[in-house]
Protein backbone atom coordinates (compact mmCIF):
# COMPACT_ATOMS: atom_id res chain seq x y z
CA MET A 1 7.34 10.06 12.32
CA VAL A 2 5.22 11.26 9.39
CA PRO A 3 6.70 13.09 6.40
CA HIS A 4 4.59 14.73 3.68
CA SER A 5 5.35 13.61 0.15
CA ARG A 6 3.77 13.38 -3.27
CA LEU A 7 2.21 9.95 -3.65
CA ILE A 8 3.71 8.05 -6.58
CA PHE A 9 4.91 4.51 -7.25
CA THR A 10 7.28 2.91 -9.68
CA VAL A 11 8.26 -0.73 -9.98
CA SER A 12 11.03 -2.34 -11.92
CA ALA A 13 9.94 -4.84 -14.56
CA ARG A 14 12.25 -7.49 -15.94
CA ALA A 15 11.63 -9.56 -19.03
CA ALA A 16 10.66 -13.15 -18.28
CA ALA A 17 9.44 -16.05 -20.34
CA ILE A 18 5.73 -16.56 -19.78
CA LEU A 19 4.05 -19.81 -20.72
CA LEU A 20 0.28 -20.19 -20.55
CA ALA A 21 -0.75 -23.75 -19.98
CA CYS A 22 -3.29 -25.96 -18.28
CA GLY A 23 -2.08 -28.53 -15.79
CA SER A 24 -2.14 -29.92 -12.28
CA LEU A 25 -1.36 -27.39 -9.56
CA GLY A 26 -0.44 -30.08 -7.11
CA ALA A 27 2.70 -31.40 -8.81
CA GLY A 28 6.07 -30.32 -7.46
CA GLN A 29 4.69 -27.99 -4.83
CA PHE A 30 7.49 -25.85 -3.36
CA SER A 31 5.59 -23.38 -1.21
CA SER A 32 5.18 -23.75 2.54
CA GLY A 33 1.45 -24.45 2.58
CA LYS A 34 -1.47 -22.17 1.79
CA ALA A 35 -0.87 -18.49 2.41
CA ASP A 36 -3.69 -16.66 4.18
CA TYR A 37 -2.08 -13.26 4.73
CA VAL A 38 0.64 -11.09 3.28
CA ILE A 39 2.12 -8.75 5.88
CA GLU A 40 4.22 -5.91 4.44
CA LEU A 41 6.20 -3.91 7.00
CA PHE A 42 7.54 -0.53 5.92
CA THR A 43 10.47 0.13 8.24
CA SER A 44 13.62 2.22 8.56
CA GLN A 45 16.94 2.00 10.33
CA GLY A 46 16.50 5.70 11.10
CA CYS A 47 13.23 5.27 13.02
CA SER A 48 13.41 4.69 16.78
CA PHE A 49 9.93 3.11 16.82
CA CYS A 50 10.81 0.49 14.20
CA PRO A 51 12.92 -2.14 16.06
CA ARG A 52 9.89 -3.33 18.03
CA ALA A 53 7.93 -3.71 14.80
CA ASP A 54 10.87 -5.54 13.20
CA GLN A 55 10.81 -8.04 16.07
CA MET A 56 7.06 -8.50 15.73
CA LEU A 57 7.43 -9.20 12.01
CA ALA A 58 10.06 -11.85 12.75
CA THR A 59 7.54 -13.57 15.04
CA MET A 60 4.72 -13.33 12.47
CA ALA A 61 6.98 -14.76 9.77
CA ARG A 62 7.07 -18.06 11.68
CA GLU A 63 3.28 -18.38 11.80
CA PRO A 64 1.63 -20.86 9.38
CA GLY A 65 -0.14 -19.20 6.49
CA VAL A 66 1.71 -15.89 6.76
CA VAL A 67 3.97 -14.33 4.14
CA ALA A 68 5.88 -11.63 6.02
CA LEU A 69 8.01 -9.04 4.20
CA SER A 70 10.23 -6.13 5.26
CA PHE A 71 10.34 -3.09 2.96
CA PRO A 72 13.04 -0.66 4.19
CA VAL A 73 12.25 2.90 3.08
CA ASP A 74 14.65 5.77 2.52
CA TYR A 75 12.84 8.94 3.57
CA TRP A 76 14.49 9.08 7.03
CA ASP A 77 18.02 9.04 5.61
CA TYR A 78 18.30 12.81 6.01
CA ILE A 79 18.28 12.68 9.83
CA GLY A 80 21.78 11.25 10.13
CA TRP A 81 21.94 7.62 8.99
CA ARG A 82 21.58 6.25 5.48
CA ASP A 83 19.52 3.05 5.63
CA THR A 84 21.75 0.31 4.22
CA LEU A 85 18.82 -1.81 2.99
CA ALA A 86 16.40 0.85 1.76
CA SER A 87 15.25 1.44 -1.80
CA PRO A 88 13.23 4.31 -3.29
CA VAL A 89 11.13 1.61 -4.99
CA PHE A 90 9.90 0.52 -1.56
CA THR A 91 9.17 4.11 -0.57
CA THR A 92 7.07 4.65 -3.67
CA ARG A 93 5.23 1.38 -3.03
CA GLN A 94 4.25 2.62 0.42
CA ARG A 95 3.15 5.96 -0.98
CA ALA A 96 1.08 4.17 -3.60
CA TYR A 97 -0.74 2.29 -0.86
CA ALA A 98 -1.42 5.59 0.92
CA LEU A 99 -2.94 6.98 -2.27
CA ALA A 100 -5.04 3.86 -2.85
CA HIS A 101 -6.29 3.87 0.75
CA GLY A 102 -7.08 7.58 0.83
CA GLU A 103 -4.33 8.39 3.33
CA ALA A 104 -2.54 11.71 3.08
CA GLN A 105 0.74 10.61 4.68
CA VAL A 106 3.15 7.72 5.10
CA TYR A 107 4.96 6.77 8.28
CA THR A 108 7.14 4.12 9.86
CA PRO A 109 6.63 1.53 11.09
CA GLN A 110 3.53 0.73 9.03
CA ILE A 111 2.05 -2.63 8.12
CA VAL A 112 -0.19 -3.33 5.13
CA VAL A 113 -2.20 -6.57 5.12
CA ASN A 114 -3.12 -8.27 1.82
CA GLY A 115 -2.67 -4.93 0.05
CA LEU A 116 -5.86 -3.62 1.65
CA ALA A 117 -5.67 -2.68 5.35
CA SER A 118 -2.98 -0.76 7.19
CA ALA A 119 -1.90 -0.55 10.82
CA ALA A 120 0.84 0.86 13.01
CA GLY A 121 3.67 -1.64 12.78
CA GLY A 122 4.29 -1.95 16.52
CA ASP A 123 0.65 -2.11 17.66
CA HIS A 124 -0.42 -5.75 18.06
CA GLU A 125 -4.13 -5.00 18.52
CA GLU A 126 -4.24 -2.68 15.52
CA ILE A 127 -2.45 -5.28 13.39
CA GLN A 128 -4.97 -7.96 14.40
CA GLN A 129 -7.82 -5.63 13.46
CA ALA A 130 -6.23 -5.02 10.06
CA ILE A 131 -5.91 -8.78 9.54
CA LYS A 132 -9.61 -9.23 10.32
CA SER A 133 -10.71 -6.42 8.03
CA ALA A 134 -8.58 -7.71 5.14
CA LYS A 135 -9.83 -11.31 5.37
CA ASP A 136 -11.44 -12.29 2.04
CA ALA A 137 -12.02 -8.63 1.16
CA ASP A 138 -12.07 -7.91 -2.60
CA GLY A 139 -11.03 -11.50 -3.35
CA ALA A 140 -7.84 -11.26 -1.31
CA MET A 141 -5.92 -14.55 -1.05
CA THR A 142 -8.62 -16.58 -2.80
CA VAL A 143 -6.73 -17.71 -5.92
CA PRO A 144 -4.74 -21.00 -5.57
CA MET A 145 -1.06 -20.67 -6.48
CA HIS A 146 2.01 -22.85 -6.00
CA LEU A 147 5.70 -22.62 -6.75
CA SER A 148 7.54 -25.65 -8.11
CA GLN A 149 11.19 -26.32 -8.90
CA ALA A 150 12.85 -28.62 -11.42
CA ASP A 151 16.43 -28.61 -12.72
CA GLY A 152 17.17 -25.27 -11.07
CA HIS A 153 14.14 -23.55 -12.57
CA TYR A 154 11.10 -22.23 -10.70
CA SER A 155 7.59 -22.27 -12.12
CA ILE A 156 4.63 -20.26 -10.88
CA GLU A 157 1.40 -22.20 -11.27
CA VAL A 158 -1.86 -20.27 -10.90
CA ALA A 159 -5.37 -21.73 -10.95
CA SER A 160 -8.34 -20.08 -12.61
CA GLY A 161 -10.35 -17.72 -10.46
CA GLY A 162 -12.05 -14.38 -10.14
CA GLY A 163 -10.49 -11.01 -9.62
CA GLY A 164 -8.29 -10.77 -12.69
CA PRO A 165 -6.59 -9.22 -14.46
CA ALA A 166 -3.73 -8.81 -12.03
CA GLY A 167 0.04 -8.44 -12.13
CA VAL A 168 2.37 -11.31 -11.26
CA PHE A 169 5.32 -10.07 -9.21
CA VAL A 170 8.45 -11.91 -8.08
CA LEU A 171 10.17 -10.51 -5.00
CA ARG A 172 13.76 -11.51 -4.21
CA VAL A 173 13.97 -11.75 -0.43
CA ALA A 174 16.90 -12.04 1.99
CA ARG A 175 15.92 -14.29 4.88
CA SER A 176 17.82 -12.26 7.47
CA SER A 177 20.04 -9.19 7.57
CA THR A 178 21.73 -7.85 10.71
CA VAL A 179 22.82 -4.20 10.74
CA HIS A 180 24.92 -2.28 13.27
CA ILE A 181 23.40 1.19 13.12
CA GLN A 182 26.04 3.81 13.90
CA ARG A 183 24.18 7.13 13.71
CA GLY A 184 20.69 8.58 13.91
CA GLU A 185 17.86 7.69 16.31
CA ASN A 186 19.02 4.07 16.62
CA ALA A 187 22.74 4.80 17.00
CA GLY A 188 24.54 1.92 18.68
CA ARG A 189 21.75 -0.61 18.14
CA VAL A 190 22.20 -3.90 16.31
CA VAL A 191 18.96 -4.82 14.53
CA THR A 192 18.15 -8.00 12.64
CA TYR A 193 15.67 -7.65 9.79
CA THR A 194 13.58 -10.60 8.59
CA ASN A 195 12.59 -11.39 4.99
CA VAL A 196 14.04 -8.19 3.56
CA VAL A 197 12.88 -7.46 0.01
CA ARG A 198 15.84 -6.78 -2.27
CA ALA A 199 14.08 -6.45 -5.64
CA ILE A 200 10.62 -6.51 -7.21
CA ASP A 201 10.15 -7.79 -10.76
CA LYS A 202 6.91 -8.01 -12.72
CA VAL A 203 6.90 -11.20 -14.79
CA GLY A 204 3.48 -11.01 -16.40
CA GLU A 205 -0.26 -10.55 -16.20
CA TRP A 206 -2.77 -13.10 -14.94
CA ASN A 207 -6.13 -12.91 -16.73
CA GLY A 208 -8.16 -15.20 -14.49
CA GLN A 209 -7.36 -18.41 -16.36
CA THR A 210 -5.08 -21.28 -15.37
CA ALA A 211 -1.54 -20.24 -16.21
CA THR A 212 2.10 -21.13 -15.66
CA PHE A 213 4.79 -18.46 -15.50
CA ASP A 214 8.37 -19.63 -15.93
CA MET A 215 11.06 -18.10 -13.73
CA PRO A 216 14.39 -19.39 -15.09
CA ARG A 217 16.74 -18.60 -12.21
CA THR A 218 17.55 -19.62 -8.65
CA PRO A 219 17.90 -17.31 -5.65
CA PRO A 220 21.36 -16.45 -4.31
CA SER A 221 22.53 -18.13 -1.11
CA GLY A 222 20.58 -16.90 1.90
CA GLU A 223 17.74 -15.60 -0.23
CA GLY A 224 14.43 -16.87 -1.58
CA PHE A 225 11.46 -15.78 -3.64
CA VAL A 226 7.98 -14.55 -2.82
CA VAL A 227 5.42 -14.39 -5.61
CA LEU A 228 2.42 -12.05 -5.39
CA ILE A 229 -0.59 -11.76 -7.68
CA GLN A 230 -1.92 -8.26 -7.09
CA LYS A 231 -4.79 -6.27 -8.53
CA GLY A 232 -4.64 -2.60 -9.42
CA THR A 233 -1.82 -0.61 -10.95
CA PRO A 234 1.64 0.43 -9.71
CA GLU A 235 0.15 3.84 -8.85
CA ARG A 236 -2.87 2.32 -7.05
CA PRO A 237 -2.13 -1.22 -5.87
CA GLY A 238 -5.11 -3.32 -4.85
CA ALA A 239 -5.88 -6.62 -3.20
CA ILE A 240 -3.28 -9.39 -3.23
CA LEU A 241 -5.17 -12.34 -4.71
CA ALA A 242 -2.49 -14.98 -4.08
CA ALA A 243 0.94 -15.39 -2.55
CA ALA A 244 3.53 -18.15 -2.39
CA LYS A 245 7.06 -18.39 -1.05
CA THR A 246 10.07 -20.63 -1.33
CA GLU A 247 11.10 -22.66 1.69
CA GLY A 248 12.82 -20.85 4.54
CA LEU A 249 10.95 -17.54 4.28
């Protein structure tokens, strides 16, 4: 399913206190080990090809070193079922990737690896090829980063490294969401979505130096945070230099 659309991207930005400081990145680590890959799945409740990709993402989310995210898009709503998890922000993020990668169209299900390589979301071999092609490309996933928590506050600790400047983004993520789809191509199906992004907030810019970004809030019950450091601009996103996640994602 491939619609034609103008390729634009917008992202919400929320004010956050940003503290630049030097310090040990090992203290109070709260992430689940080193992240090697970020897998972004653009999916839709209105797409009959998507449930298989949703299941594959759930499997990948359990693999060590993988940050797996579901981005429900809204451009299939017109065919009979309004996606209950979709956001136009996620649609514009996918279109921005298409623009950055020189692709004329967007489709579901689609996976983007480390912000650089794309693949059909339900094609295991194609996904593995995208993972290989994105490995270490353009500095992807080479900057050390950890999340820590103290007294109900999260801190994002980033080491010095190449590839900056880059934006620091906090994604609020629901660990699981089950939907009974009543109309459209998946009418009658009950689909469980894994690590569903609910909001994207930009909390600052990383300039290549050791830095700490304060995130003074805790996730709601059943949700967690993923932090991405990503090159480029909202209109042309680039390589993801680092990723970290709270426990349970």
